Protein backbone atom coordinates (compact mmCIF):
# COMPACT_ATOMS: atom_id res chain seq x y z
CA MET A 1 -168.35 -78.41 98.53
CA SER A 2 -166.03 -80.70 96.72
CA THR A 3 -163.37 -82.72 98.57
CA PHE A 4 -160.38 -84.83 97.52
CA SER A 5 -158.35 -87.68 99.07
CA PRO A 6 -154.86 -87.14 100.49
CA PRO A 7 -151.96 -87.91 98.28
CA THR A 8 -151.51 -91.65 97.26
CA GLU A 9 -148.22 -93.34 96.26
CA LYS A 10 -147.71 -93.31 92.45
CA ARG A 11 -147.21 -97.02 91.81
CA VAL A 12 -150.39 -97.65 93.79
CA ILE A 13 -152.32 -95.15 91.65
CA ALA A 14 -150.79 -96.82 88.50
CA HIS A 15 -151.74 -100.21 89.39
CA GLN A 16 -155.30 -99.33 90.53
CA THR A 17 -155.84 -97.36 87.43
CA ALA A 18 -154.59 -100.37 85.34
CA LYS A 19 -156.85 -102.71 87.14
CA MET A 20 -159.87 -100.51 86.72
CA LEU A 21 -159.36 -100.02 83.01
CA LEU A 22 -159.13 -103.82 82.63
CA GLU A 23 -162.19 -104.41 84.85
CA ILE A 24 -164.43 -102.16 82.63
CA LYS A 25 -162.82 -103.72 79.37
CA ALA A 26 -161.55 -100.15 78.42
CA ILE A 27 -158.30 -102.08 77.42
CA GLN A 28 -158.71 -104.27 74.52
CA PHE A 29 -156.15 -106.67 73.13
CA ASN A 30 -156.41 -108.51 69.88
CA ALA A 31 -153.26 -109.83 68.21
CA ALA A 32 -154.95 -112.06 65.98
CA GLN A 33 -156.89 -109.25 64.26
CA PRO A 34 -154.80 -106.12 64.95
CA PHE A 35 -156.61 -102.64 65.23
CA VAL A 36 -155.68 -100.60 62.34
CA PHE A 37 -155.99 -96.82 62.86
CA THR A 38 -156.88 -94.09 60.38
CA SER A 39 -153.22 -93.04 60.74
CA GLY A 40 -152.26 -96.44 59.44
CA TRP A 41 -150.67 -97.82 62.45
CA ALA A 42 -151.41 -101.53 63.34
CA SER A 43 -151.65 -102.30 67.02
CA PRO A 44 -152.86 -105.26 69.18
CA VAL A 45 -153.92 -102.91 71.84
CA TYR A 46 -156.78 -100.28 72.07
CA VAL A 47 -157.69 -97.92 75.00
CA ASP A 48 -161.02 -96.49 75.36
CA CYS A 49 -161.04 -94.05 78.26
CA ARG A 50 -164.48 -92.85 77.25
CA LYS A 51 -165.99 -95.97 78.88
CA ILE A 52 -164.96 -94.37 82.33
CA ILE A 53 -167.92 -92.03 82.25
CA SER A 54 -170.42 -94.82 82.65
CA TYR A 55 -169.02 -96.19 85.90
CA PRO A 56 -169.63 -93.61 88.69
CA ARG A 57 -167.85 -95.35 91.60
CA LEU A 58 -164.74 -96.16 89.37
CA ARG A 59 -164.63 -92.68 87.75
CA SER A 60 -164.85 -91.12 91.32
CA ALA A 61 -161.91 -93.16 92.43
CA LEU A 62 -159.84 -92.20 89.31
CA MET A 63 -160.67 -88.46 89.71
CA ASP A 64 -159.41 -88.75 93.41
CA PHE A 65 -156.23 -90.34 91.84
CA ALA A 66 -156.18 -87.40 89.22
CA ALA A 67 -156.59 -84.87 92.03
CA SER A 68 -153.93 -86.43 94.15
CA THR A 69 -151.26 -86.67 91.18
CA ILE A 70 -151.78 -83.09 90.19
CA LEU A 71 -151.59 -81.69 93.54
CA THR A 72 -148.39 -83.64 94.31
CA GLU A 73 -146.63 -83.23 90.99
CA VAL A 74 -147.90 -79.72 90.10
CA GLY A 75 -148.76 -78.09 93.49
CA TYR A 76 -151.65 -77.04 95.67
CA GLU A 77 -151.68 -73.38 94.56
CA SER A 78 -149.91 -73.60 91.18
CA ILE A 79 -153.14 -73.86 88.79
CA ASP A 80 -155.80 -71.30 88.35
CA ASN A 81 -157.94 -73.13 85.59
CA ILE A 82 -158.60 -76.45 84.23
CA ALA A 83 -159.07 -76.67 80.37
CA GLY A 84 -160.46 -79.94 78.72
CA GLY A 85 -159.55 -80.77 75.05
CA GLU A 86 -162.25 -81.80 72.60
CA THR A 87 -163.81 -84.18 72.96
CA ALA A 88 -162.79 -87.12 75.31
CA GLY A 89 -160.80 -84.50 77.71
CA ILE A 90 -164.09 -82.48 78.41
CA PRO A 91 -165.83 -84.58 81.18
CA PHE A 92 -162.59 -85.45 82.88
CA ALA A 93 -161.63 -81.82 83.02
CA ALA A 94 -165.06 -81.01 84.51
CA TRP A 95 -164.71 -83.58 87.30
CA ILE A 96 -161.22 -82.46 88.13
CA ALA A 97 -162.11 -78.78 88.14
CA ASP A 98 -164.78 -79.75 90.74
CA LYS A 99 -162.42 -81.81 92.83
CA LEU A 100 -160.05 -78.97 93.00
CA MET A 101 -162.50 -76.23 93.16
CA LEU A 102 -161.35 -74.50 90.12
CA PRO A 103 -162.82 -72.62 86.89
CA MET A 104 -162.93 -74.61 83.78
CA GLN A 105 -162.81 -74.10 80.07
CA TYR A 106 -162.95 -76.50 77.10
CA ILE A 107 -161.12 -76.16 73.86
CA ARG A 108 -162.17 -77.19 70.38
CA LYS A 109 -159.75 -78.80 67.81
CA LYS A 110 -160.56 -75.75 65.67
CA ALA A 111 -163.02 -72.72 65.91
CA LYS A 112 -166.57 -73.58 65.32
CA GLY A 113 -167.14 -71.57 62.19
CA PHE A 114 -170.25 -69.75 63.15
CA GLY A 115 -171.80 -67.46 65.87
CA ARG A 116 -168.83 -66.12 67.91
CA ASN A 117 -166.37 -68.48 65.90
CA ALA A 118 -164.98 -69.41 69.23
CA GLN A 119 -162.37 -72.23 69.72
CA ILE A 120 -162.43 -71.90 73.57
CA GLU A 121 -165.53 -71.90 75.65
CA GLY A 122 -165.35 -70.45 79.00
CA GLU A 123 -163.60 -67.36 80.48
CA VAL A 124 -159.79 -67.21 79.98
CA VAL A 125 -158.23 -64.58 82.33
CA PRO A 126 -154.92 -63.31 80.91
CA GLY A 127 -151.95 -64.90 82.68
CA SER A 128 -154.11 -67.65 84.36
CA ARG A 129 -152.17 -70.77 84.93
CA THR A 130 -154.04 -73.43 83.03
CA LEU A 131 -153.80 -77.17 83.33
CA LEU A 132 -154.87 -78.89 80.11
CA VAL A 133 -156.65 -82.26 80.47
CA GLU A 134 -157.17 -84.97 78.03
CA ASP A 135 -158.07 -88.66 78.25
CA LEU A 136 -154.74 -89.99 76.94
CA ALA A 137 -151.53 -89.25 75.18
CA THR A 138 -149.52 -91.15 72.53
CA ASP A 139 -146.76 -88.87 70.99
CA GLY A 140 -148.23 -85.69 72.45
CA ARG A 141 -148.79 -83.80 68.98
CA SER A 142 -152.40 -83.22 69.58
CA LYS A 143 -151.35 -81.29 72.69
CA VAL A 144 -149.88 -78.73 70.50
CA ASN A 145 -153.09 -77.27 69.02
CA PHE A 146 -154.79 -77.05 72.47
CA CYS A 147 -151.75 -75.47 74.28
CA ASN A 148 -151.27 -72.84 71.33
CA ALA A 149 -154.95 -71.94 71.44
CA LEU A 150 -155.06 -71.42 75.29
CA ARG A 151 -151.67 -69.35 75.08
CA LYS A 152 -153.15 -67.26 72.17
CA ALA A 153 -156.02 -66.50 74.36
CA GLY A 154 -153.69 -65.36 77.13
CA ALA A 155 -153.42 -68.33 79.29
CA THR A 156 -150.18 -69.68 80.70
CA VAL A 157 -149.85 -73.46 80.03
CA ASP A 158 -146.87 -75.38 81.57
CA HIS A 159 -148.66 -78.63 82.39
CA CYS A 160 -150.83 -81.28 80.98
CA PHE A 161 -152.72 -84.11 82.56
CA VAL A 162 -153.94 -87.50 81.05
CA LEU A 163 -155.35 -90.55 82.60
CA PHE A 164 -153.46 -92.85 80.32
CA TYR A 165 -150.00 -92.39 78.71
CA TYR A 166 -148.80 -94.79 76.14
CA ASP A 167 -145.09 -94.31 77.10
CA ILE A 168 -143.93 -96.18 73.92
CA PHE A 169 -143.09 -93.56 71.30
CA PRO A 170 -139.60 -92.13 71.77
CA MET A 171 -140.35 -88.62 70.43
CA VAL A 172 -142.76 -87.64 73.19
CA SER A 173 -140.31 -86.23 75.67
CA GLY A 174 -138.81 -83.94 72.93
CA ASN A 175 -142.32 -82.94 71.51
CA MET A 176 -143.42 -82.01 75.21
CA ARG A 177 -140.15 -80.06 75.83
CA ASP A 178 -140.40 -78.25 72.60
CA LEU A 179 -143.94 -77.32 73.50
CA GLY A 180 -142.70 -76.28 77.08
CA VAL A 181 -145.26 -78.46 78.93
CA GLU A 182 -144.80 -81.34 81.47
CA LEU A 183 -146.77 -84.28 81.07
CA HIS A 184 -148.55 -85.84 84.27
CA HIS A 185 -150.52 -89.23 84.00
CA LEU A 186 -152.18 -91.99 86.03
CA ALA A 187 -150.88 -95.28 84.32
CA THR A 188 -148.84 -96.55 81.15
CA TRP A 189 -149.01 -99.61 79.03
CA ARG A 190 -146.13 -100.94 81.46
CA ASP A 191 -148.50 -100.70 84.21
CA VAL A 192 -151.33 -102.52 82.34
CA LEU A 193 -149.14 -105.31 81.10
CA GLU A 194 -147.83 -105.92 84.69
CA VAL A 195 -151.43 -106.06 86.05
CA ALA A 196 -152.58 -108.15 83.30
CA THR A 197 -149.95 -110.62 83.44
CA ALA A 198 -150.36 -111.05 87.20
CA SER A 199 -154.02 -111.22 87.08
CA GLY A 200 -154.20 -113.63 84.05
CA HIS A 201 -156.54 -111.37 82.04
CA PHE A 202 -155.09 -112.57 78.83
CA ASP A 203 -153.41 -115.75 77.56
CA ALA A 204 -149.64 -115.96 77.09
CA GLY A 205 -149.98 -115.70 73.37
CA VAL A 206 -151.69 -112.39 73.46
CA LEU A 207 -149.30 -111.01 76.21
CA ARG A 208 -146.21 -111.99 74.03
CA GLU A 209 -147.66 -109.99 71.06
CA VAL A 210 -148.29 -106.89 73.30
CA LYS A 211 -144.86 -107.07 74.78
CA ALA A 212 -143.47 -107.13 71.06
CA PHE A 213 -145.48 -104.16 70.15
CA LEU A 214 -144.66 -102.13 73.24
CA GLU A 215 -140.82 -102.90 72.58
CA SER A 216 -140.89 -102.15 68.88
CA PRO A 217 -144.27 -100.38 67.78
CA SER A 218 -143.02 -99.47 64.45
CA GLU A 219 -141.65 -102.80 63.54
CA TRP A 220 -144.68 -104.53 64.97
CA SER A 221 -147.12 -102.38 62.94
CA ALA A 222 -145.17 -102.94 59.72
CA ALA A 223 -145.20 -106.76 60.26
CA HIS A 224 -148.97 -106.61 60.58
CA GLY A 225 -150.00 -104.51 57.61
CA GLY A 226 -149.64 -101.16 59.31
CA ILE A 227 -147.20 -98.35 58.63
CA SER A 228 -143.77 -98.09 60.26
CA ASN A 229 -143.08 -94.34 59.47
CA PHE A 230 -143.17 -92.18 62.64
CA ASP A 231 -143.62 -89.03 60.30
CA SER A 232 -147.10 -90.14 60.08
CA ASP A 233 -149.45 -89.15 62.81
CA PRO A 234 -149.28 -91.67 65.73
CA GLU A 235 -151.50 -89.54 67.91
CA ASN A 236 -154.29 -91.51 66.37
CA VAL A 237 -153.17 -94.90 67.70
CA GLY A 238 -155.57 -96.20 70.29
CA THR A 239 -156.69 -92.69 71.24
CA GLY A 240 -159.84 -92.35 73.30
CA ALA A 241 -161.08 -89.84 70.93
CA GLY A 242 -161.83 -92.37 68.30
CA GLY A 243 -163.25 -95.84 68.32
CA PRO A 244 -162.87 -99.23 66.36
CA LYS A 245 -163.88 -98.87 62.87
CA SER A 246 -165.33 -101.89 60.98
CA GLY A 247 -164.29 -103.93 64.08
CA ALA A 248 -160.60 -103.52 63.49
CA SER A 249 -159.52 -99.83 63.34
CA ALA A 250 -159.96 -96.63 64.83
CA ALA A 251 -160.59 -92.98 63.90
CA ALA A 252 -158.99 -89.90 65.60
């Protein structure tokens, strides 16, 4: 029988999450050789939440944080199912479902094209209140496909949970509002920068570049060989669904 810890204060969760991500080097800073993503964005920072799966004690603590956040912000009896988004969201959805003792499904980016041609695996009960889980969020546009697929299958989707939220792209609140979904998270770049500055994880020059990027991501990208047009797809920036390509870029 699964158990979860009692609610923990939001700021404590955010700082502990940032500290853990830094400890396992899931947060990478490289201002000298920026990460250039397949979307065209240049960034001095990269987040790889997939590394969490290899650290059992750390991931257990983060899943306790996730359960606490969800129960506090969504409610104890307000969710019927947990659904993980392909690919990086699936393991976290499974662990959260176990913590909360709830059924789970997972959603592909598109139907697999053979067999049952299913986009969703697992039983979706019509009207079930479903929490979408992914590893992180940048501008929130990847959530649209997953939420629409779940709703088409009959689920009610009002909430999405991620471990890490960029919180730097101004269109996010509008995108999520249009989608009719509330976004919940453990930590943001602001939390990571605060913890990294206090702990001395990175030198002053790197931290200056990171601050410049967080304050004006489009301008920083353009000045370092990337795009500056938000009409392109910033959901690829630093997403845990992809990794560095040729040592300096990432794929969605």
